[in-house]
Full PDB file with SEQRES, HELIX, SHEET, SSBOND, CRYST1, ORIGX, SCALE, CONECT and MASTER records, all heavy atoms in Angstrom:
SEQRES   1 A   30  VAL GLN LEU VAL GLU SER GLY GLY GLY SER VAL GLN ALA          
SEQRES   2 A   30  GLY GLY SER LEU ARG LEU SER CYS ALA ALA SER GLY ASP          
SEQRES   3 A   30  THR TYR ILE LYS                                              
HELIX    1 AA1 THR A   27  ILE A   29  5                                   3    
SHEET    1 AA1 2 GLN A   2  SER A   6  0                                        
SHEET    2 AA1 2 SER A  20  SER A  24 -1                                        
CRYST1    1.000    1.000    1.000  90.00  90.00  90.00 P 1           1          
ORIGX1      1.000000  0.000000  0.000000        0.00000                         
ORIGX2      0.000000  1.000000  0.000000        0.00000                         
ORIGX3      0.000000  0.000000  1.000000        0.00000                         
SCALE1      1.000000  0.000000  0.000000        0.00000                         
SCALE2      0.000000  1.000000  0.000000        0.00000                         
SCALE3      0.000000  0.000000  1.000000        0.00000                         
ATOM      1  N   VAL A   1      -8.111  12.550   4.191  1.00  0.00           N  
ATOM      2  CA  VAL A   1      -7.877  11.133   4.102  1.00  0.00           C  
ATOM      3  C   VAL A   1      -6.428  10.881   4.366  1.00  0.00           C  
ATOM      4  O   VAL A   1      -5.546  11.586   3.784  1.00  0.00           O  
ATOM      5  CB  VAL A   1      -8.243  10.543   2.735  1.00  0.00           C  
ATOM      6  CG1 VAL A   1      -7.877   9.002   2.649  1.00  0.00           C  
ATOM      7  CG2 VAL A   1      -9.754  10.813   2.459  1.00  0.00           C  
ATOM      8  N   GLN A   2      -6.141   9.933   5.253  1.00  0.00           N  
ATOM      9  CA  GLN A   2      -4.762   9.587   5.501  1.00  0.00           C  
ATOM     10  C   GLN A   2      -4.492   8.162   4.871  1.00  0.00           C  
ATOM     11  O   GLN A   2      -5.364   7.332   4.927  1.00  0.00           O  
ATOM     12  CB  GLN A   2      -4.480   9.493   7.022  1.00  0.00           C  
ATOM     13  CG  GLN A   2      -4.532  10.887   7.745  1.00  0.00           C  
ATOM     14  CD  GLN A   2      -5.960  11.248   7.968  1.00  0.00           C  
ATOM     15  OE1 GLN A   2      -6.816  10.492   8.430  1.00  0.00           O  
ATOM     16  NE2 GLN A   2      -6.265  12.554   7.649  1.00  0.00           N  
ATOM     17  N   LEU A   3      -3.390   8.114   4.265  1.00  0.00           N  
ATOM     18  CA  LEU A   3      -3.039   6.865   3.476  1.00  0.00           C  
ATOM     19  C   LEU A   3      -1.659   6.390   4.015  1.00  0.00           C  
ATOM     20  O   LEU A   3      -0.646   7.130   4.139  1.00  0.00           O  
ATOM     21  CB  LEU A   3      -2.963   7.126   1.984  1.00  0.00           C  
ATOM     22  CG  LEU A   3      -4.196   7.755   1.412  1.00  0.00           C  
ATOM     23  CD1 LEU A   3      -3.890   8.103  -0.026  1.00  0.00           C  
ATOM     24  CD2 LEU A   3      -5.353   6.750   1.419  1.00  0.00           C  
ATOM     25  N   VAL A   4      -1.601   5.096   4.232  1.00  0.00           N  
ATOM     26  CA  VAL A   4      -0.359   4.434   4.754  1.00  0.00           C  
ATOM     27  C   VAL A   4      -0.041   3.244   3.875  1.00  0.00           C  
ATOM     28  O   VAL A   4      -0.832   2.241   3.858  1.00  0.00           O  
ATOM     29  CB  VAL A   4      -0.327   4.072   6.237  1.00  0.00           C  
ATOM     30  CG1 VAL A   4       0.922   3.413   6.680  1.00  0.00           C  
ATOM     31  CG2 VAL A   4      -0.674   5.323   7.092  1.00  0.00           C  
ATOM     32  N   GLU A   5       1.033   3.274   3.190  1.00  0.00           N  
ATOM     33  CA  GLU A   5       1.472   2.082   2.377  1.00  0.00           C  
ATOM     34  C   GLU A   5       2.414   1.185   3.110  1.00  0.00           C  
ATOM     35  O   GLU A   5       2.997   1.575   4.060  1.00  0.00           O  
ATOM     36  CB  GLU A   5       2.300   2.618   1.132  1.00  0.00           C  
ATOM     37  CG  GLU A   5       1.530   3.663   0.221  1.00  0.00           C  
ATOM     38  CD  GLU A   5       1.983   5.043   0.560  1.00  0.00           C  
ATOM     39  OE1 GLU A   5       2.331   5.297   1.766  1.00  0.00           O  
ATOM     40  OE2 GLU A   5       1.904   5.883  -0.349  1.00  0.00           O  
ATOM     41  N   SER A   6       2.309  -0.123   2.726  1.00  0.00           N  
ATOM     42  CA  SER A   6       3.223  -1.101   3.349  1.00  0.00           C  
ATOM     43  C   SER A   6       3.473  -2.209   2.274  1.00  0.00           C  
ATOM     44  O   SER A   6       2.682  -2.229   1.273  1.00  0.00           O  
ATOM     45  CB  SER A   6       2.640  -1.703   4.592  1.00  0.00           C  
ATOM     46  OG  SER A   6       1.374  -2.273   4.395  1.00  0.00           O  
ATOM     47  N   GLY A   7       4.383  -3.053   2.557  1.00  0.00           N  
ATOM     48  CA  GLY A   7       4.637  -4.156   1.636  1.00  0.00           C  
ATOM     49  C   GLY A   7       5.798  -4.080   0.713  1.00  0.00           C  
ATOM     50  O   GLY A   7       6.182  -5.034  -0.010  1.00  0.00           O  
ATOM     51  N   GLY A   8       6.505  -2.956   0.753  1.00  0.00           N  
ATOM     52  CA  GLY A   8       7.607  -2.752  -0.186  1.00  0.00           C  
ATOM     53  C   GLY A   8       8.809  -3.586   0.321  1.00  0.00           C  
ATOM     54  O   GLY A   8       8.804  -4.114   1.445  1.00  0.00           O  
ATOM     55  N   GLY A   9       9.810  -3.649  -0.475  1.00  0.00           N  
ATOM     56  CA  GLY A   9      10.989  -4.416  -0.147  1.00  0.00           C  
ATOM     57  C   GLY A   9      11.881  -4.666  -1.344  1.00  0.00           C  
ATOM     58  O   GLY A   9      11.689  -4.111  -2.403  1.00  0.00           O  
ATOM     59  N   SER A  10      12.829  -5.579  -1.210  1.00  0.00           N  
ATOM     60  CA  SER A  10      13.715  -5.934  -2.264  1.00  0.00           C  
ATOM     61  C   SER A  10      13.373  -7.375  -2.733  1.00  0.00           C  
ATOM     62  O   SER A  10      13.113  -8.239  -1.841  1.00  0.00           O  
ATOM     63  CB  SER A  10      15.160  -5.914  -1.817  1.00  0.00           C  
ATOM     64  OG  SER A  10      15.487  -4.599  -1.361  1.00  0.00           O  
ATOM     65  N   VAL A  11      13.377  -7.507  -4.049  1.00  0.00           N  
ATOM     66  CA  VAL A  11      13.159  -8.747  -4.634  1.00  0.00           C  
ATOM     67  C   VAL A  11      13.929  -8.967  -5.932  1.00  0.00           C  
ATOM     68  O   VAL A  11      14.338  -7.939  -6.595  1.00  0.00           O  
ATOM     69  CB  VAL A  11      11.660  -8.836  -4.949  1.00  0.00           C  
ATOM     70  CG1 VAL A  11      11.221  -7.926  -5.964  1.00  0.00           C  
ATOM     71  CG2 VAL A  11      11.210 -10.276  -5.390  1.00  0.00           C  
ATOM     72  N   GLN A  12      14.148 -10.204  -6.349  1.00  0.00           N  
ATOM     73  CA  GLN A  12      14.828 -10.483  -7.536  1.00  0.00           C  
ATOM     74  C   GLN A  12      13.914 -10.386  -8.688  1.00  0.00           C  
ATOM     75  O   GLN A  12      12.715 -10.536  -8.566  1.00  0.00           O  
ATOM     76  CB  GLN A  12      15.533 -11.899  -7.520  1.00  0.00           C  
ATOM     77  CG  GLN A  12      16.599 -12.064  -6.494  1.00  0.00           C  
ATOM     78  CD  GLN A  12      17.267 -13.412  -6.607  1.00  0.00           C  
ATOM     79  OE1 GLN A  12      18.270 -13.622  -7.195  1.00  0.00           O  
ATOM     80  NE2 GLN A  12      16.557 -14.436  -6.017  1.00  0.00           N  
ATOM     81  N   ALA A  13      14.487 -10.058  -9.954  1.00  0.00           N  
ATOM     82  CA  ALA A  13      13.747  -9.953 -11.087  1.00  0.00           C  
ATOM     83  C   ALA A  13      12.932 -11.298 -11.215  1.00  0.00           C  
ATOM     84  O   ALA A  13      13.469 -12.371 -11.060  1.00  0.00           O  
ATOM     85  CB  ALA A  13      14.587  -9.795 -12.307  1.00  0.00           C  
ATOM     86  N   GLY A  14      11.580 -11.089 -11.598  1.00  0.00           N  
ATOM     87  CA  GLY A  14      10.797 -12.215 -11.839  1.00  0.00           C  
ATOM     88  C   GLY A  14       9.964 -12.556 -10.642  1.00  0.00           C  
ATOM     89  O   GLY A  14       9.008 -13.450 -10.619  1.00  0.00           O  
ATOM     90  N   GLY A  15      10.220 -11.937  -9.478  1.00  0.00           N  
ATOM     91  CA  GLY A  15       9.620 -12.132  -8.245  1.00  0.00           C  
ATOM     92  C   GLY A  15       8.307 -11.345  -8.112  1.00  0.00           C  
ATOM     93  O   GLY A  15       7.954 -10.641  -9.007  1.00  0.00           O  
ATOM     94  N   SER A  16       7.784 -11.436  -6.921  1.00  0.00           N  
ATOM     95  CA  SER A  16       6.430 -10.805  -6.733  1.00  0.00           C  
ATOM     96  C   SER A  16       6.473 -10.057  -5.375  1.00  0.00           C  
ATOM     97  O   SER A  16       7.268 -10.444  -4.365  1.00  0.00           O  
ATOM     98  CB  SER A  16       5.308 -11.751  -6.703  1.00  0.00           C  
ATOM     99  OG  SER A  16       5.163 -12.511  -7.917  1.00  0.00           O  
ATOM    100  N   LEU A  17       5.651  -9.038  -5.292  1.00  0.00           N  
ATOM    101  CA  LEU A  17       5.389  -8.278  -4.026  1.00  0.00           C  
ATOM    102  C   LEU A  17       3.963  -7.815  -4.046  1.00  0.00           C  
ATOM    103  O   LEU A  17       3.361  -7.713  -5.092  1.00  0.00           O  
ATOM    104  CB  LEU A  17       6.310  -6.980  -3.935  1.00  0.00           C  
ATOM    105  CG  LEU A  17       7.740  -7.238  -3.567  1.00  0.00           C  
ATOM    106  CD1 LEU A  17       8.522  -5.876  -3.705  1.00  0.00           C  
ATOM    107  CD2 LEU A  17       7.913  -7.701  -2.173  1.00  0.00           C  
ATOM    108  N   ARG A  18       3.402  -7.698  -2.835  1.00  0.00           N  
ATOM    109  CA  ARG A  18       2.074  -7.181  -2.745  1.00  0.00           C  
ATOM    110  C   ARG A  18       1.995  -5.984  -1.801  1.00  0.00           C  
ATOM    111  O   ARG A  18       2.468  -6.008  -0.671  1.00  0.00           O  
ATOM    112  CB  ARG A  18       1.212  -8.262  -2.065  1.00  0.00           C  
ATOM    113  CG  ARG A  18      -0.354  -7.877  -2.139  1.00  0.00           C  
ATOM    114  CD  ARG A  18      -1.142  -8.729  -1.222  1.00  0.00           C  
ATOM    115  NE  ARG A  18      -2.585  -8.724  -1.491  1.00  0.00           N  
ATOM    116  CZ  ARG A  18      -3.512  -9.082  -0.638  1.00  0.00           C  
ATOM    117  NH1 ARG A  18      -3.177  -9.544   0.478  1.00  0.00           N  
ATOM    118  NH2 ARG A  18      -4.776  -8.901  -0.980  1.00  0.00           N  
ATOM    119  N   LEU A  19       1.675  -4.838  -2.398  1.00  0.00           N  
ATOM    120  CA  LEU A  19       1.710  -3.620  -1.631  1.00  0.00           C  
ATOM    121  C   LEU A  19       0.215  -3.370  -1.016  1.00  0.00           C  
ATOM    122  O   LEU A  19      -0.795  -3.730  -1.708  1.00  0.00           O  
ATOM    123  CB  LEU A  19       2.018  -2.355  -2.573  1.00  0.00           C  
ATOM    124  CG  LEU A  19       3.279  -2.490  -3.210  1.00  0.00           C  
ATOM    125  CD1 LEU A  19       3.635  -1.209  -4.035  1.00  0.00           C  
ATOM    126  CD2 LEU A  19       4.535  -2.778  -2.223  1.00  0.00           C  
ATOM    127  N   SER A  20       0.131  -2.776   0.081  1.00  0.00           N  
ATOM    128  CA  SER A  20      -1.159  -2.515   0.726  1.00  0.00           C  
ATOM    129  C   SER A  20      -1.219  -0.958   0.991  1.00  0.00           C  
ATOM    130  O   SER A  20      -0.190  -0.343   1.317  1.00  0.00           O  
ATOM    131  CB  SER A  20      -1.290  -3.219   1.995  1.00  0.00           C  
ATOM    132  OG  SER A  20      -1.292  -4.656   1.797  1.00  0.00           O  
ATOM    133  N   CYS A  21      -2.339  -0.445   0.891  1.00  0.00           N  
ATOM    134  CA  CYS A  21      -2.645   0.996   1.215  1.00  0.00           C  
ATOM    135  C   CYS A  21      -3.849   1.053   2.094  1.00  0.00           C  
ATOM    136  O   CYS A  21      -4.933   0.773   1.617  1.00  0.00           O  
ATOM    137  CB  CYS A  21      -2.893   1.759  -0.074  1.00  0.00           C  
ATOM    138  SG  CYS A  21      -3.406   3.497   0.320  1.00  0.00           S  
ATOM    139  N   ALA A  22      -3.606   1.430   3.434  1.00  0.00           N  
ATOM    140  CA  ALA A  22      -4.743   1.598   4.316  1.00  0.00           C  
ATOM    141  C   ALA A  22      -5.153   3.013   4.451  1.00  0.00           C  
ATOM    142  O   ALA A  22      -4.385   3.884   4.690  1.00  0.00           O  
ATOM    143  CB  ALA A  22      -4.252   1.026   5.646  1.00  0.00           C  
ATOM    144  N   ALA A  23      -6.439   3.270   4.207  1.00  0.00           N  
ATOM    145  CA  ALA A  23      -6.954   4.526   4.268  1.00  0.00           C  
ATOM    146  C   ALA A  23      -7.844   4.817   5.558  1.00  0.00           C  
ATOM    147  O   ALA A  23      -8.493   3.854   6.070  1.00  0.00           O  
ATOM    148  CB  ALA A  23      -7.888   4.810   3.049  1.00  0.00           C  
ATOM    149  N   SER A  24      -7.655   6.039   6.135  1.00  0.00           N  
ATOM    150  CA  SER A  24      -8.410   6.364   7.289  1.00  0.00           C  
ATOM    151  C   SER A  24      -8.857   7.840   7.195  1.00  0.00           C  
ATOM    152  O   SER A  24      -8.483   8.500   6.292  1.00  0.00           O  
ATOM    153  CB  SER A  24      -7.588   6.136   8.586  1.00  0.00           C  
ATOM    154  OG  SER A  24      -6.345   6.905   8.520  1.00  0.00           O  
ATOM    155  N   GLY A  25      -9.584   8.243   8.189  1.00  0.00           N  
ATOM    156  CA  GLY A  25     -10.138   9.589   8.143  1.00  0.00           C  
ATOM    157  C   GLY A  25     -11.439   9.670   7.496  1.00  0.00           C  
ATOM    158  O   GLY A  25     -12.332   8.758   7.655  1.00  0.00           O  
ATOM    159  N   ASP A  26     -11.674  10.660   6.625  1.00  0.00           N  
ATOM    160  CA  ASP A  26     -12.918  10.807   5.889  1.00  0.00           C  
ATOM    161  C   ASP A  26     -12.881  10.020   4.555  1.00  0.00           C  
ATOM    162  O   ASP A  26     -12.825  10.462   3.575  1.00  0.00           O  
ATOM    163  CB  ASP A  26     -13.145  12.299   5.533  1.00  0.00           C  
ATOM    164  CG  ASP A  26     -13.266  13.182   6.780  1.00  0.00           C  
ATOM    165  OD1 ASP A  26     -13.736  12.664   7.800  1.00  0.00           O  
ATOM    166  OD2 ASP A  26     -12.795  14.367   6.727  1.00  0.00           O  
ATOM    167  N   THR A  27     -12.887   8.679   4.845  1.00  0.00           N  
ATOM    168  CA  THR A  27     -12.786   7.727   3.676  1.00  0.00           C  
ATOM    169  C   THR A  27     -13.887   7.783   2.769  1.00  0.00           C  
ATOM    170  O   THR A  27     -13.800   7.310   1.569  1.00  0.00           O  
ATOM    171  CB  THR A  27     -12.528   6.347   4.248  1.00  0.00           C  
ATOM    172  OG1 THR A  27     -13.680   5.938   5.042  1.00  0.00           O  
ATOM    173  CG2 THR A  27     -11.296   6.252   5.037  1.00  0.00           C  
ATOM    174  N   TYR A  28     -15.044   8.376   3.082  1.00  0.00           N  
ATOM    175  CA  TYR A  28     -16.244   8.424   2.291  1.00  0.00           C  
ATOM    176  C   TYR A  28     -16.075   9.317   1.109  1.00  0.00           C  
ATOM    177  O   TYR A  28     -16.879   9.328   0.200  1.00  0.00           O  
ATOM    178  CB  TYR A  28     -17.466   8.755   3.056  1.00  0.00           C  
ATOM    179  CG  TYR A  28     -17.280  10.030   3.872  1.00  0.00           C  
ATOM    180  CD1 TYR A  28     -17.612  11.214   3.282  1.00  0.00           C  
ATOM    181  CD2 TYR A  28     -16.926   9.987   5.230  1.00  0.00           C  
ATOM    182  CE1 TYR A  28     -17.411  12.359   4.050  1.00  0.00           C  
ATOM    183  CE2 TYR A  28     -16.775  11.152   5.948  1.00  0.00           C  
ATOM    184  CZ  TYR A  28     -17.082  12.378   5.330  1.00  0.00           C  
ATOM    185  OH  TYR A  28     -16.900  13.501   6.037  1.00  0.00           O  
ATOM    186  N   ILE A  29     -15.094  10.171   1.090  1.00  0.00           N  
ATOM    187  CA  ILE A  29     -14.793  11.160   0.003  1.00  0.00           C  
ATOM    188  C   ILE A  29     -13.895  10.698  -1.047  1.00  0.00           C  
ATOM    189  O   ILE A  29     -13.657  11.427  -2.044  1.00  0.00           O  
ATOM    190  CB  ILE A  29     -14.362  12.545   0.492  1.00  0.00           C  
ATOM    191  CG1 ILE A  29     -12.983  12.357   1.140  1.00  0.00           C  
ATOM    192  CG2 ILE A  29     -15.349  13.101   1.529  1.00  0.00           C  
ATOM    193  CD1 ILE A  29     -12.388  13.738   1.579  1.00  0.00           C  
ATOM    194  N   LYS A  30     -13.393   9.456  -0.899  1.00  0.00           N  
ATOM    195  CA  LYS A  30     -12.570   8.997  -1.940  1.00  0.00           C  
ATOM    196  C   LYS A  30     -13.304   8.111  -2.923  1.00  0.00           C  
ATOM    197  O   LYS A  30     -13.982   7.144  -2.547  1.00  0.00           O  
ATOM    198  CB  LYS A  30     -11.336   8.207  -1.407  1.00  0.00           C  
ATOM    199  CG  LYS A  30     -11.780   6.957  -0.476  1.00  0.00           C  
ATOM    200  CD  LYS A  30     -10.614   6.206  -0.022  1.00  0.00           C  
ATOM    201  CE  LYS A  30     -10.899   5.036   0.810  1.00  0.00           C  
ATOM    202  NZ  LYS A  30     -11.648   4.033   0.051  1.00  0.00           N  
TER     203      LYS A  30                                                      
MASTER        0    0    0    1    2    0    0    6  202    1    0    3          
END                                                                             
């Protein structure tokens, strides 16, 4: 299984972020 994260960054306290993780490969084993 290959995993790729995205969505990180810099934010001020109290703020929000949304991270994503896209899976590929033999995804049926997770």
